[in-house]
Each structure stands twice: as structure tokens, then as C-alpha cells.
Protein backbone atom coordinates (compact mmCIF):
# COMPACT_ATOMS: atom_id res chain seq x y z
CA MET A 1 -16.90 17.05 9.63
CA GLY A 2 -15.41 14.20 7.61
CA GLU A 3 -15.94 10.51 8.27
CA ILE A 4 -14.63 7.06 7.40
CA VAL A 5 -17.46 5.21 5.66
CA GLY A 6 -15.75 1.93 4.74
CA ALA A 7 -12.43 0.10 4.94
CA GLY A 8 -10.74 -2.93 3.44
CA LEU A 9 -7.79 -5.26 3.81
CA LEU A 10 -7.08 -5.94 0.16
CA ALA A 11 -4.56 -8.02 -1.78
CA HIS A 12 -2.68 -6.26 -4.59
CA VAL A 13 -0.66 -9.16 -6.07
CA PRO A 14 0.88 -8.68 -9.54
CA THR A 15 -1.11 -11.65 -10.87
CA ILE A 16 -4.30 -9.57 -10.96
CA VAL A 17 -2.96 -7.21 -13.65
CA LEU A 18 -1.53 -9.91 -15.90
CA PRO A 19 -3.44 -10.72 -19.12
CA GLU A 20 -6.29 -13.19 -18.59
CA GLU A 21 -4.62 -15.91 -20.65
CA THR A 22 -1.50 -15.66 -18.47
CA ARG A 23 -3.55 -15.81 -15.26
CA LEU A 24 -5.32 -18.95 -16.48
CA GLU A 25 -2.04 -20.54 -17.51
CA LEU A 26 -0.56 -19.94 -14.06
CA ASN A 27 -3.68 -21.15 -12.26
CA GLU A 28 -4.45 -24.50 -13.88
CA GLY A 29 -6.97 -23.00 -16.29
CA LYS A 30 -9.06 -21.21 -13.62
CA GLU A 31 -9.51 -17.52 -12.94
CA VAL A 32 -8.05 -16.34 -9.63
CA THR A 33 -10.87 -15.26 -7.34
CA LEU A 34 -8.93 -12.16 -6.33
CA VAL A 35 -9.83 -10.86 -9.80
CA THR A 36 -13.51 -11.77 -9.64
CA GLY A 37 -13.63 -10.53 -6.05
CA LEU A 38 -12.19 -7.11 -6.92
CA ARG A 39 -14.64 -6.77 -9.78
CA GLN A 40 -17.53 -7.49 -7.43
CA LEU A 41 -16.14 -5.14 -4.78
CA ARG A 42 -16.02 -2.37 -7.38
CA ARG A 43 -19.67 -2.96 -8.32
CA GLU A 44 -20.92 -3.16 -4.74
CA VAL A 45 -18.79 -0.46 -3.06
CA PHE A 46 -16.57 1.65 -5.28
CA GLU A 47 -19.15 2.52 -7.93
CA ARG A 48 -21.39 4.06 -5.26
CA ASP A 49 -21.68 7.80 -4.74
CA ASP A 50 -21.39 7.80 -0.93
CA TYR A 51 -17.64 8.56 -0.78
CA ASP A 52 -15.26 11.02 -2.40
CA THR A 53 -11.72 10.01 -1.32
CA VAL A 54 -9.79 6.74 -1.02
CA VAL A 55 -6.76 6.57 1.29
CA VAL A 56 -4.41 3.68 0.51
CA LEU A 57 -2.17 2.46 3.32
CA ASP A 58 0.58 1.20 1.05
CA SER A 59 2.67 -1.74 2.30
CA HIS A 60 5.18 -1.34 -0.55
CA TRP A 61 6.09 2.26 0.23
CA ALA A 62 8.57 2.28 3.13
CA THR A 63 9.75 5.60 4.53
CA THR A 64 12.44 5.97 7.20
CA VAL A 65 12.29 9.06 9.45
CA GLU A 66 8.59 9.99 9.24
CA PHE A 67 5.27 8.97 7.75
CA VAL A 68 4.54 10.55 4.38
CA VAL A 69 1.14 11.29 2.84
CA THR A 70 0.78 12.19 -0.83
CA ALA A 71 -0.44 15.75 -1.34
CA GLN A 72 -0.41 16.28 -5.11
CA PRO A 73 -3.52 17.82 -6.70
CA ARG A 74 -3.30 15.10 -9.35
CA ARG A 75 -1.10 12.09 -10.09
CA ALA A 76 -0.72 10.84 -13.64
CA GLY A 77 1.83 8.93 -15.66
CA LEU A 78 2.98 5.47 -16.69
CA PHE A 79 3.96 2.92 -14.07
CA THR A 80 6.58 0.22 -14.56
CA SER A 81 7.48 -1.85 -11.52
CA GLU A 82 11.13 -2.07 -10.58
CA GLU A 83 10.31 -5.41 -8.95
CA LEU A 84 8.37 -7.06 -11.79
CA PRO A 85 8.80 -4.99 -14.97
CA ARG A 86 7.78 -7.86 -17.26
CA GLY A 87 4.32 -8.15 -15.73
CA MET A 88 3.69 -4.52 -14.72
CA CYS A 89 4.93 -2.39 -17.58
CA ARG A 90 3.90 1.14 -18.64
CA MET A 91 0.54 0.94 -16.88
CA PRO A 92 -1.27 4.29 -17.29
CA TYR A 93 -2.73 5.99 -14.23
CA ASP A 94 -4.47 9.34 -13.72
CA PHE A 95 -6.38 10.36 -10.61
CA PRO A 96 -6.95 13.47 -8.48
CA GLY A 97 -5.35 13.74 -5.05
CA ASP A 98 -6.56 15.49 -1.90
CA PRO A 99 -4.06 18.13 -0.68
CA GLU A 100 -6.50 19.50 1.90
CA LEU A 101 -6.96 16.10 3.53
CA ALA A 102 -3.20 15.39 3.41
CA GLY A 103 -2.46 18.62 5.24
CA ASN A 104 -5.12 17.96 7.85
CA ILE A 105 -3.78 14.47 8.55
CA ALA A 106 -0.27 15.85 9.05
CA SER A 107 -1.58 18.57 11.39
CA PHE A 108 -2.49 15.92 13.99
CA ALA A 109 1.00 14.38 14.17
CA ASP A 110 2.03 16.20 17.35
CA ARG A 111 -1.20 15.38 19.14
CA HIS A 112 -0.51 11.67 18.60
CA GLY A 113 3.23 11.75 19.22
CA THR A 114 4.36 10.97 15.69
CA TRP A 115 5.80 12.58 12.54
CA ILE A 116 3.79 13.03 9.33
CA THR A 117 4.77 15.09 6.29
CA PRO A 118 2.56 15.87 3.26
CA ILE A 119 4.59 15.75 0.03
CA ASP A 120 3.36 17.25 -3.25
CA ASP A 121 6.46 16.52 -5.37
CA GLU A 122 5.26 15.38 -8.81
CA TYR A 123 8.27 13.05 -9.05
CA LEU A 124 7.47 11.16 -5.85
CA PRO A 125 7.38 7.46 -6.82
CA VAL A 126 4.14 5.52 -6.85
CA TYR A 127 3.94 1.81 -5.99
CA TYR A 128 1.90 -1.09 -7.27
CA ALA A 129 0.23 -1.64 -3.91
CA THR A 130 -1.64 1.53 -4.86
CA ILE A 131 -1.72 1.33 -8.66
CA ASN A 132 -2.96 -2.27 -8.99
CA LEU A 133 -5.96 -1.60 -6.75
CA TRP A 134 -6.69 1.72 -8.46
CA LYS A 135 -6.78 -0.11 -11.81
CA TYR A 136 -9.61 -2.31 -10.49
CA LEU A 137 -11.40 0.01 -8.09
CA GLY A 138 -10.76 3.56 -9.29
CA GLU A 139 -10.02 3.68 -13.00
CA GLY A 140 -12.96 5.07 -14.96
CA LEU A 141 -14.56 6.70 -11.90
CA PRO A 142 -13.76 10.41 -12.45
CA GLY A 143 -13.65 12.72 -9.49
CA LYS A 144 -12.76 10.10 -6.88
CA ARG A 145 -9.63 11.28 -5.08
CA TRP A 146 -6.85 8.80 -4.22
CA VAL A 147 -4.19 9.42 -1.55
CA SER A 148 -1.42 7.09 -0.35
CA ILE A 149 0.39 6.83 2.98
CA GLY A 150 3.51 4.70 3.33
CA VAL A 151 4.55 2.47 6.19
CA CYS A 152 7.57 3.62 8.21
CA GLN A 153 10.32 1.01 8.37
CA THR A 154 11.73 2.38 11.66
CA GLY A 155 8.30 2.39 13.30
CA ASP A 156 6.73 -0.30 15.45
CA MET A 157 3.17 -1.41 16.13
CA GLU A 158 2.39 1.59 18.35
CA ASP A 159 3.78 4.04 15.79
CA HIS A 160 1.46 2.69 13.11
CA LEU A 161 -1.55 2.74 15.41
CA ARG A 162 -0.71 6.38 16.18
CA LEU A 163 -0.60 7.16 12.47
CA GLY A 164 -4.06 5.65 12.18
CA ARG A 165 -5.39 7.83 15.00
CA ALA A 166 -3.96 10.94 13.32
CA LEU A 167 -5.49 9.80 10.04
CA ALA A 168 -8.94 9.50 11.65
CA ASP A 169 -8.62 12.95 13.22
CA GLY A 170 -7.44 14.47 9.94
CA ILE A 171 -10.44 13.01 8.14
CA ALA A 172 -12.80 14.29 10.85
CA ALA A 173 -11.26 17.77 10.50
CA THR A 174 -11.91 17.91 6.74
CA PRO A 175 -15.43 19.26 6.18
CA GLY A 176 -17.76 16.97 4.25
CA ARG A 177 -15.10 14.40 3.43
CA ARG A 178 -16.34 10.78 3.12
CA VAL A 179 -13.41 8.40 2.99
CA LEU A 180 -12.74 4.76 2.19
CA LEU A 181 -9.55 3.26 3.68
CA ILE A 182 -7.60 0.49 1.98
CA ALA A 183 -4.94 -1.47 3.87
CA SER A 184 -3.15 -2.72 0.76
CA GLY A 185 -1.13 -5.83 1.51
CA ALA A 186 -0.96 -9.51 2.30
CA LEU A 187 -1.23 -11.78 5.33
CA SER A 188 1.69 -14.23 5.77
CA HIS A 189 4.38 -13.29 3.29
CA THR A 190 7.19 -15.76 2.69
CA PHE A 191 8.03 -16.46 -0.95
CA TRP A 192 9.16 -19.80 -2.29
CA PRO A 193 12.85 -19.74 -3.34
CA LEU A 194 13.48 -18.85 -6.98
CA ARG A 195 14.30 -22.38 -8.12
CA GLU A 196 11.06 -23.67 -6.58
CA LEU A 197 8.54 -20.88 -6.99
CA ARG A 198 7.33 -21.82 -10.48
CA ASP A 199 5.93 -25.00 -8.94
CA HIS A 200 3.80 -22.88 -6.59
CA GLU A 201 2.16 -20.23 -8.79
CA ALA A 202 -1.39 -21.60 -8.64
CA SER A 203 -3.81 -19.88 -6.25
CA ASP A 204 -4.71 -22.97 -4.19
CA PRO A 205 -3.74 -22.31 -0.53
CA VAL A 206 -1.96 -25.67 -0.46
CA HIS A 207 0.94 -23.68 -1.93
CA ILE A 208 1.20 -21.31 1.06
CA PHE A 209 4.80 -21.55 2.30
CA THR A 210 4.02 -23.62 5.41
CA PRO A 211 0.86 -25.23 6.85
CA GLU A 212 1.47 -23.21 10.02
CA ALA A 213 1.41 -19.93 8.09
CA ARG A 214 -1.77 -21.03 6.31
CA GLU A 215 -3.43 -21.80 9.65
CA ALA A 216 -2.31 -18.46 11.13
CA ASP A 217 -3.83 -16.62 8.17
CA ARG A 218 -7.11 -18.52 8.38
CA ARG A 219 -7.39 -17.87 12.11
CA ARG A 220 -7.11 -14.13 11.49
CA ILE A 221 -9.56 -14.21 8.61
CA ASP A 222 -12.04 -15.85 10.97
CA TRP A 223 -11.44 -13.15 13.59
CA PHE A 224 -11.90 -10.42 10.99
CA GLU A 225 -15.16 -11.96 9.83
CA ARG A 226 -16.35 -11.99 13.45
CA GLY A 227 -15.33 -8.40 14.10
CA ARG A 228 -12.63 -9.47 16.57
CA HIS A 229 -9.99 -6.89 15.76
CA ASP A 230 -8.98 -7.11 19.42
CA LYS A 231 -7.89 -10.73 18.87
CA VAL A 232 -5.79 -9.77 15.85
CA LEU A 233 -4.09 -6.93 17.73
CA ASP A 234 -3.49 -8.96 20.89
CA THR A 235 -1.71 -11.73 18.95
CA MET A 236 0.59 -9.68 16.73
CA ASP A 237 3.67 -11.15 18.42
CA GLU A 238 2.48 -14.60 17.34
CA PHE A 239 1.61 -13.49 13.80
CA TRP A 240 4.98 -11.84 13.23
CA LYS A 241 6.50 -15.35 13.28
CA TYR A 242 4.85 -15.86 9.86
CA ARG A 243 6.26 -12.63 8.42
CA PRO A 244 3.10 -10.78 7.40
CA GLU A 245 3.76 -8.30 4.64
CA ALA A 246 5.34 -5.08 5.95
CA LYS A 247 4.90 -6.51 9.49
CA PHE A 248 1.15 -5.98 8.93
CA PHE A 249 1.72 -2.25 9.33
CA HIS A 250 -0.84 -1.53 6.58
CA TYR A 251 -3.54 -3.18 8.69
CA LEU A 252 -2.29 -1.59 11.93
CA MET A 253 -2.68 1.90 10.43
CA MET A 254 -6.22 1.05 9.39
CA ALA A 255 -6.99 -0.45 12.80
CA GLY A 256 -5.73 2.69 14.53
CA ALA A 257 -8.08 4.79 12.42
CA LEU A 258 -11.07 2.54 13.18
CA GLY A 259 -10.68 2.47 16.96
CA GLY A 260 -8.03 -0.20 17.55
CA HIS A 261 -9.08 -2.87 20.05
CA ALA A 262 -12.55 -1.34 20.26
CA CYS A 263 -13.29 -1.80 16.53
CA THR A 264 -16.12 -4.28 16.01
CA ALA A 265 -16.61 -4.10 12.23
CA ARG A 266 -17.12 -7.51 10.65
CA GLY A 267 -15.27 -8.34 7.45
CA ARG A 268 -17.08 -9.45 4.30
CA ARG A 269 -14.89 -11.67 2.15
CA TYR A 270 -14.74 -11.30 -1.62
CA GLY A 271 -13.44 -14.41 -3.33
CA ALA A 272 -11.34 -17.03 -1.58
CA TYR A 273 -8.21 -17.04 0.54
CA GLU A 274 -5.49 -17.63 -2.06
CA ASN A 275 -1.81 -18.27 -2.52
CA SER A 276 0.67 -16.11 -4.40
CA ILE A 277 4.03 -17.95 -4.65
CA GLY A 278 3.93 -18.81 -0.96
CA THR A 279 2.14 -15.75 0.46
CA GLY A 280 -1.39 -15.55 1.87
CA GLN A 281 -3.81 -13.22 0.08
CA VAL A 282 -7.39 -12.18 0.84
CA LEU A 283 -9.98 -9.48 0.09
CA LEU A 284 -11.90 -8.37 3.20
CA TRP A 285 -14.26 -5.41 3.28
CA PHE A 286 -15.52 -3.74 6.47
CA ASP A 287 -18.69 -1.67 6.27
CA ARG A 288 -19.18 0.81 9.07
CA PRO A 289 -21.56 -0.76 11.62
CA GLU A 290 -24.78 1.12 12.39
CA GLY A 291 -23.46 1.93 15.85
CA GLY A 292 -20.13 3.16 14.51
CA TRP A 293 -16.74 1.50 14.17
CA THR A 294 -16.53 0.86 17.92
CA GLY A 295 -20.16 -0.02 18.56
CA ALA A 296 -21.40 -3.15 20.29
CA ARG A 297 -20.28 -6.37 18.64
CA PRO A 298 -23.36 -8.09 17.14
CA HIS A 299 -24.18 -11.70 17.96
CA MET A 300 -22.94 -13.94 15.20
CA SER A 301 -24.22 -17.49 14.90
CA ALA A 302 -22.06 -18.51 11.96
CA THR A 303 -19.02 -17.33 10.04
CA PRO A 304 -20.02 -15.33 6.91
CA GLN A 305 -19.59 -17.22 3.68
CA PRO A 306 -17.26 -15.72 1.09
CA THR A 307 -18.76 -13.90 -1.87
CA VAL A 308 -17.35 -14.62 -5.30
């Protein structure tokens, strides 16, 4: 029987793969803590031997009539972003996939009232919401499988929770599989207009598009750190006013896999809450609680301090 052993809500912004000198130039001479945070997350979690597969819930990959899970035995090539080809250009990638897991996930679609198709086409595009995080967390770790699942642009909150439930069942049905989930995407997600955005490239949250969006992000970070996934889910109507990336579908898929409202896992923050040309970005990691993802919520006397 397979199991989910860890999960994260992780920023993938293009800034992290720019050369160091460019990052410092954009950020008033300071390194962005998303970079230092990802490096620490790799050391503390991804370099361990207690998992074999990473499933990325990719907020940049939008399908239309079904959910799609990658099923190639291996993915390799050079990635250039159609969105930002100057900053993400001919980036090499090479990692094994997990066709068995992909097929098992899809096999639970009917049980959960949804549509999931595994695709093994070698020409299927790959997106930087997957590649940028693989560069930090997977490159140089041979044998770790990486699989991506896209959001579905015609789906709603319930559809993405259902995908998550099918994902959890598919993992459980795959013998011996130990999986890390990554919800790859941002919090609030409104960009500054083109003629203004170069004044807002530094990482300081003062550059988030509005103070209200900044406060909405911080409220949810606090809930995540307290294990209050129920609060996040119950207030999605409110959060949608601040246009979270991909309607926060990347997180909703992860939440569905971890037990939805019943999930009590507390988030551990790596680095600071940061801006990216108006959008809210954070790195939060959820270890599986001793009592399981839906175990009793532990007493918490203070909000965890971010690690850097």
C-alpha cells in the first residue's frame, strides 16, 4: 500500500532560476528568500531516502475536458518558456516518471465522479511550475520519479477536491509507493501593469498589488501554520476576490488528497512571504502528523517562526 509522506505549497516564480547577479539586481542587492528556502527544503526533505515519487499539482498546466496525469517512463529535454523566454531558456531536464502510479490514479476517477486520463505522449508540453521546482528539489537526485497533474479550467472547487481524493486512492493502491505532493503555485496573483511592474520587482511584500491582498495572504499563511485547512477551505469565496493563482486549484487538489476539512497538518515556512511583481509567494511544507493527515489538531501556543 502506498502513502503520502509529505506535502508542500511551493512558489515557482521565474526569479528563482535567474542568475544570482540578476536576482540581486532586481532585489536591492539581497538574495530572495525563496531561493534560500528552496535550498534548505532540499537539504531537509528532498535529499532524504524516505520517498520515491513526487507528484506536482501544476497551476500552469490547464486542461479543459478532463484532468490529465503524466504517464511517461521518462521525461527529458530542454525547456524554454513561452511566457518568459528571456529568463527561462533551454533549461535541461531529465527525470523518470511513474506510469504505474499514473494509471492507478486514473482508475479511481469513476469512484469520485470525475475524469482523469494518463497521457504518455513524449511531446506533451511541460511547464515551469514543474520544471523550476525540479531544478531546485529534484535535479541531481537520480531515481526520484516526478509526475505532474494539471488543473482543469472548466472545473470548480469540488472537482479539484475530487481529483485529490482520487489521487490519494491511486497512491494507496500502488504497492510500496511513498509520495511527496507539491501544490505548485502562488497565493494572491494580480500582476502590476506592464508600465508599472519594473517599479515592483523587489521581494518586499510592500509591493503586493493591494494591502487587502497582502492581508488575505497572511491570514491564510497563519491558518496553514496552525493546521487550520478547514478555515482556508471555508473561506475560498472570500479568497477568490484576490485572484489566487489558478483559483487556488493546485492547493485544493492537495487538500483533497490530505483529507480536506479534516486535514490538521501544520505548515513549516521556508524563507519569508515575498512579492513577485504584485503576486504573493510563499514556501510552506507539511509533514505528515504522527496521527495521520486527519489526526487530532495539536495545541499550539505560538505561530511557528519561518526558517531561512
